[in-house]
Amino acid sequence: MYLYIGPGLGVATIVLVIVILFLVLSSLIIVSIRPIKRGVAYLKNLLNGNK
């Protein structure tokens, strides 16, 4: 019975993994916003005939 960690620690581990995944995904999205915005602006200028 020394290896039994109980149900609380298992739930905490699952929540911790979900939080870490959320942080990683949100940081990737935040880092990729600027290039996406620049690409959209480039396409707008290209379609409008401006350079």
PDB file of N, CA and C in Angstrom:
ATOM      1  N   MET A   1       0.806  -1.206   0.000  1.00  0.00           N
ATOM      2  CA  MET A   1       0.000   0.000   0.000  1.00  0.00           C
ATOM      3  C   MET A   1       0.842   1.261   0.000  1.00  0.00           C
ATOM      4  N   TYR A   2       2.145   1.128  -0.055  1.00  0.00           N
ATOM      5  CA  TYR A   2       2.979   2.324  -0.055  1.00  0.00           C
ATOM      6  C   TYR A   2       2.903   3.094  -1.375  1.00  0.00           C
ATOM      7  N   LEU A   3       2.535   2.422  -2.464  1.00  0.00           N
ATOM      8  CA  LEU A   3       2.500   3.068  -3.761  1.00  0.00           C
ATOM      9  C   LEU A   3       1.159   3.739  -4.053  1.00  0.00           C
ATOM     10  N   TYR A   4       0.195   3.610  -3.178  1.00  0.00           N
ATOM     11  CA  TYR A   4      -1.115   4.219  -3.393  1.00  0.00           C
ATOM     12  C   TYR A   4      -1.031   5.711  -3.122  1.00  0.00           C
ATOM     13  N   ILE A   5      -1.392   6.529  -4.142  1.00  0.00           N
ATOM     14  CA  ILE A   5      -1.281   7.979  -3.981  1.00  0.00           C
ATOM     15  C   ILE A   5      -2.635   8.635  -3.779  1.00  0.00           C
ATOM     16  N   GLY A   6      -3.679   7.874  -3.904  1.00  0.00           N
ATOM     17  CA  GLY A   6      -5.007   8.417  -3.658  1.00  0.00           C
ATOM     18  C   GLY A   6      -5.587   9.087  -4.889  1.00  0.00           C
ATOM     19  N   PRO A   7      -6.883   9.321  -4.860  1.00  0.00           N
ATOM     20  CA  PRO A   7      -7.538   9.910  -6.034  1.00  0.00           C
ATOM     21  C   PRO A   7      -7.231  11.399  -6.203  1.00  0.00           C
ATOM     22  N   GLY A   8      -6.936  12.096  -5.112  1.00  0.00           N
ATOM     23  CA  GLY A   8      -6.705  13.537  -5.199  1.00  0.00           C
ATOM     24  C   GLY A   8      -5.468  13.882  -5.990  1.00  0.00           C
ATOM     25  N   LEU A   9      -4.405  13.136  -5.798  1.00  0.00           N
ATOM     26  CA  LEU A   9      -3.164  13.422  -6.509  1.00  0.00           C
ATOM     27  C   LEU A   9      -3.297  13.103  -7.993  1.00  0.00           C
ATOM     28  N   GLY A  10      -4.083  12.101  -8.331  1.00  0.00           N
ATOM     29  CA  GLY A  10      -4.302  11.786  -9.742  1.00  0.00           C
ATOM     30  C   GLY A  10      -5.063  12.886 -10.448  1.00  0.00           C
ATOM     31  N   VAL A  11      -6.080  13.439  -9.794  1.00  0.00           N
ATOM     32  CA  VAL A  11      -6.850  14.538 -10.369  1.00  0.00           C
ATOM     33  C   VAL A  11      -5.971  15.771 -10.499  1.00  0.00           C
ATOM     34  N   ALA A  12      -5.145  16.040  -9.498  1.00  0.00           N
ATOM     35  CA  ALA A  12      -4.255  17.196  -9.547  1.00  0.00           C
ATOM     36  C   ALA A  12      -3.252  17.064 -10.689  1.00  0.00           C
ATOM     37  N   THR A  13      -2.777  15.857 -10.936  1.00  0.00           N
ATOM     38  CA  THR A  13      -1.844  15.633 -12.032  1.00  0.00           C
ATOM     39  C   THR A  13      -2.516  15.897 -13.372  1.00  0.00           C
ATOM     40  N   ILE A  14      -3.730  15.439 -13.536  1.00  0.00           N
ATOM     41  CA  ILE A  14      -4.457  15.666 -14.778  1.00  0.00           C
ATOM     42  C   ILE A  14      -4.695  17.161 -14.995  1.00  0.00           C
ATOM     43  N   VAL A  15      -5.096  17.860 -13.952  1.00  0.00           N
ATOM     44  CA  VAL A  15      -5.331  19.304 -14.060  1.00  0.00           C
ATOM     45  C   VAL A  15      -4.026  20.022 -14.392  1.00  0.00           C
ATOM     46  N   LEU A  16      -2.930  19.625 -13.777  1.00  0.00           N
ATOM     47  CA  LEU A  16      -1.638  20.247 -14.036  1.00  0.00           C
ATOM     48  C   LEU A  16      -1.206  20.038 -15.485  1.00  0.00           C
ATOM     49  N   VAL A  17      -1.396  18.862 -16.014  1.00  0.00           N
ATOM     50  CA  VAL A  17      -1.055  18.594 -17.414  1.00  0.00           C
ATOM     51  C   VAL A  17      -1.911  19.442 -18.341  1.00  0.00           C
ATOM     52  N   ILE A  18      -3.193  19.586 -18.045  1.00  0.00           N
ATOM     53  CA  ILE A  18      -4.084  20.409 -18.871  1.00  0.00           C
ATOM     54  C   ILE A  18      -3.655  21.872 -18.828  1.00  0.00           C
ATOM     55  N   VAL A  19      -3.290  22.367 -17.657  1.00  0.00           N
ATOM     56  CA  VAL A  19      -2.841  23.760 -17.532  1.00  0.00           C
ATOM     57  C   VAL A  19      -1.557  23.987 -18.312  1.00  0.00           C
ATOM     58  N   ILE A  20      -0.619  23.060 -18.236  1.00  0.00           N
ATOM     59  CA  ILE A  20       0.638  23.201 -18.972  1.00  0.00           C
ATOM     60  C   ILE A  20       0.381  23.184 -20.468  1.00  0.00           C
ATOM     61  N   LEU A  21      -0.476  22.286 -20.948  1.00  0.00           N
ATOM     62  CA  LEU A  21      -0.811  22.255 -22.368  1.00  0.00           C
ATOM     63  C   LEU A  21      -1.474  23.554 -22.814  1.00  0.00           C
ATOM     64  N   PHE A  22      -2.361  24.096 -21.983  1.00  0.00           N
ATOM     65  CA  PHE A  22      -3.014  25.360 -22.296  1.00  0.00           C
ATOM     66  C   PHE A  22      -1.992  26.489 -22.398  1.00  0.00           C
ATOM     67  N   LEU A  23      -1.036  26.534 -21.480  1.00  0.00           N
ATOM     68  CA  LEU A  23      -0.006  27.574 -21.522  1.00  0.00           C
ATOM     69  C   LEU A  23       0.866  27.463 -22.763  1.00  0.00           C
ATOM     70  N   VAL A  24       1.236  26.261 -23.128  1.00  0.00           N
ATOM     71  CA  VAL A  24       2.064  26.069 -24.313  1.00  0.00           C
ATOM     72  C   VAL A  24       1.306  26.474 -25.574  1.00  0.00           C
ATOM     73  N   LEU A  25       0.063  26.035 -25.704  1.00  0.00           N
ATOM     74  CA  LEU A  25      -0.722  26.375 -26.889  1.00  0.00           C
ATOM     75  C   LEU A  25      -1.006  27.867 -26.973  1.00  0.00           C
ATOM     76  N   SER A  26      -1.326  28.488 -25.847  1.00  0.00           N
ATOM     77  CA  SER A  26      -1.604  29.921 -25.880  1.00  0.00           C
ATOM     78  C   SER A  26      -0.345  30.721 -26.197  1.00  0.00           C
ATOM     79  N   SER A  27       0.810  30.296 -25.715  1.00  0.00           N
ATOM     80  CA  SER A  27       2.044  31.010 -26.037  1.00  0.00           C
ATOM     81  C   SER A  27       2.376  30.864 -27.517  1.00  0.00           C
ATOM     82  N   LEU A  28       2.138  29.700 -28.098  1.00  0.00           N
ATOM     83  CA  LEU A  28       2.367  29.538 -29.537  1.00  0.00           C
ATOM     84  C   LEU A  28       1.435  30.424 -30.353  1.00  0.00           C
ATOM     85  N   ILE A  29       0.194  30.542 -29.923  1.00  0.00           N
ATOM     86  CA  ILE A  29      -0.756  31.396 -30.630  1.00  0.00           C
ATOM     87  C   ILE A  29      -0.338  32.857 -30.519  1.00  0.00           C
ATOM     88  N   ILE A  30       0.073  33.285 -29.335  1.00  0.00           N
ATOM     89  CA  ILE A  30       0.483  34.676 -29.137  1.00  0.00           C
ATOM     90  C   ILE A  30       1.718  35.000 -29.971  1.00  0.00           C
ATOM     91  N   VAL A  31       2.661  34.077 -30.047  1.00  0.00           N
ATOM     92  CA  VAL A  31       3.874  34.313 -30.830  1.00  0.00           C
ATOM     93  C   VAL A  31       3.563  34.362 -32.320  1.00  0.00           C
ATOM     94  N   SER A  32       2.579  33.605 -32.775  1.00  0.00           N
ATOM     95  CA  SER A  32       2.294  33.546 -34.204  1.00  0.00           C
ATOM     96  C   SER A  32       1.309  34.613 -34.676  1.00  0.00           C
ATOM     97  N   ILE A  33       0.784  35.444 -33.784  1.00  0.00           N
ATOM     98  CA  ILE A  33      -0.184  36.460 -34.202  1.00  0.00           C
ATOM     99  C   ILE A  33       0.473  37.504 -35.102  1.00  0.00           C
ATOM    100  N   ARG A  34       1.662  37.970 -34.744  1.00  0.00           N
ATOM    101  CA  ARG A  34       2.316  39.038 -35.517  1.00  0.00           C
ATOM    102  C   ARG A  34       2.588  38.623 -36.958  1.00  0.00           C
ATOM    103  N   PRO A  35       3.180  37.464 -37.226  1.00  0.00           N
ATOM    104  CA  PRO A  35       3.381  37.084 -38.624  1.00  0.00           C
ATOM    105  C   PRO A  35       2.065  36.917 -39.393  1.00  0.00           C
ATOM    106  N   ILE A  36       1.030  36.440 -38.719  1.00  0.00           N
ATOM    107  CA  ILE A  36      -0.263  36.279 -39.389  1.00  0.00           C
ATOM    108  C   ILE A  36      -0.828  37.647 -39.753  1.00  0.00           C
ATOM    109  N   LYS A  37      -0.733  38.617 -38.834  1.00  0.00           N
ATOM    110  CA  LYS A  37      -1.227  39.960 -39.109  1.00  0.00           C
ATOM    111  C   LYS A  37      -0.434  40.602 -40.249  1.00  0.00           C
ATOM    112  N   ARG A  38       0.887  40.393 -40.263  1.00  0.00           N
ATOM    113  CA  ARG A  38       1.702  40.951 -41.342  1.00  0.00           C
ATOM    114  C   ARG A  38       1.343  40.307 -42.679  1.00  0.00           C
ATOM    115  N   GLY A  39       1.071  39.011 -42.674  1.00  0.00           N
ATOM    116  CA  GLY A  39       0.681  38.330 -43.903  1.00  0.00           C
ATOM    117  C   GLY A  39      -0.656  38.813 -44.428  1.00  0.00           C
ATOM    118  N   VAL A  40      -1.606  39.048 -43.534  1.00  0.00           N
ATOM    119  CA  VAL A  40      -2.911  39.568 -43.950  1.00  0.00           C
ATOM    120  C   VAL A  40      -2.764  40.965 -44.516  1.00  0.00           C
ATOM    121  N   ALA A  41      -1.947  41.802 -43.888  1.00  0.00           N
ATOM    122  CA  ALA A  41      -1.724  43.161 -44.390  1.00  0.00           C
ATOM    123  C   ALA A  41      -1.040  43.114 -45.755  1.00  0.00           C
ATOM    124  N   TYR A  42      -0.098  42.195 -45.919  1.00  0.00           N
ATOM    125  CA  TYR A  42       0.582  42.051 -47.212  1.00  0.00           C
ATOM    126  C   TYR A  42      -0.406  41.641 -48.295  1.00  0.00           C
ATOM    127  N   LEU A  43      -1.269  40.694 -47.988  1.00  0.00           N
ATOM    128  CA  LEU A  43      -2.270  40.264 -48.974  1.00  0.00           C
ATOM    129  C   LEU A  43      -3.263  41.375 -49.307  1.00  0.00           C
ATOM    130  N   LYS A  44      -3.665  42.155 -48.294  1.00  0.00           N
ATOM    131  CA  LYS A  44      -4.561  43.289 -48.550  1.00  0.00           C
ATOM    132  C   LYS A  44      -3.899  44.285 -49.485  1.00  0.00           C
ATOM    133  N   ASN A  45      -2.639  44.632 -49.215  1.00  0.00           N
ATOM    134  CA  ASN A  45      -1.935  45.567 -50.074  1.00  0.00           C
ATOM    135  C   ASN A  45      -1.747  45.014 -51.479  1.00  0.00           C
ATOM    136  N   LEU A  46      -1.502  43.731 -51.570  1.00  0.00           N
ATOM    137  CA  LEU A  46      -1.295  43.098 -52.863  1.00  0.00           C
ATOM    138  C   LEU A  46      -2.587  43.102 -53.678  1.00  0.00           C
ATOM    139  N   LEU A  47      -3.707  42.843 -53.027  1.00  0.00           N
ATOM    140  CA  LEU A  47      -4.990  42.808 -53.733  1.00  0.00           C
ATOM    141  C   LEU A  47      -5.491  44.203 -54.101  1.00  0.00           C
ATOM    142  N   ASN A  48      -5.128  45.214 -53.291  1.00  0.00           N
ATOM    143  CA  ASN A  48      -5.548  46.578 -53.569  1.00  0.00           C
ATOM    144  C   ASN A  48      -4.658  47.267 -54.581  1.00  0.00           C
ATOM    145  N   GLY A  49      -3.562  46.664 -54.956  1.00  0.00           N
ATOM    146  CA  GLY A  49      -2.664  47.257 -55.939  1.00  0.00           C
ATOM    147  C   GLY A  49      -1.593  48.119 -55.327  1.00  0.00           C
ATOM    148  N   ASN A  50      -1.552  48.250 -54.035  1.00  0.00           N
ATOM    149  CA  ASN A  50      -0.503  49.031 -53.367  1.00  0.00           C
ATOM    150  C   ASN A  50       0.712  48.148 -53.150  1.00  0.00           C
ATOM    151  N   LYS A  51       1.858  48.778 -53.075  1.00  0.00           N
ATOM    152  CA  LYS A  51       3.035  47.972 -52.805  1.00  0.00           C
ATOM    153  C   LYS A  51       3.896  48.524 -51.740  1.00  0.00           C
TER     154      LYS A  51
END
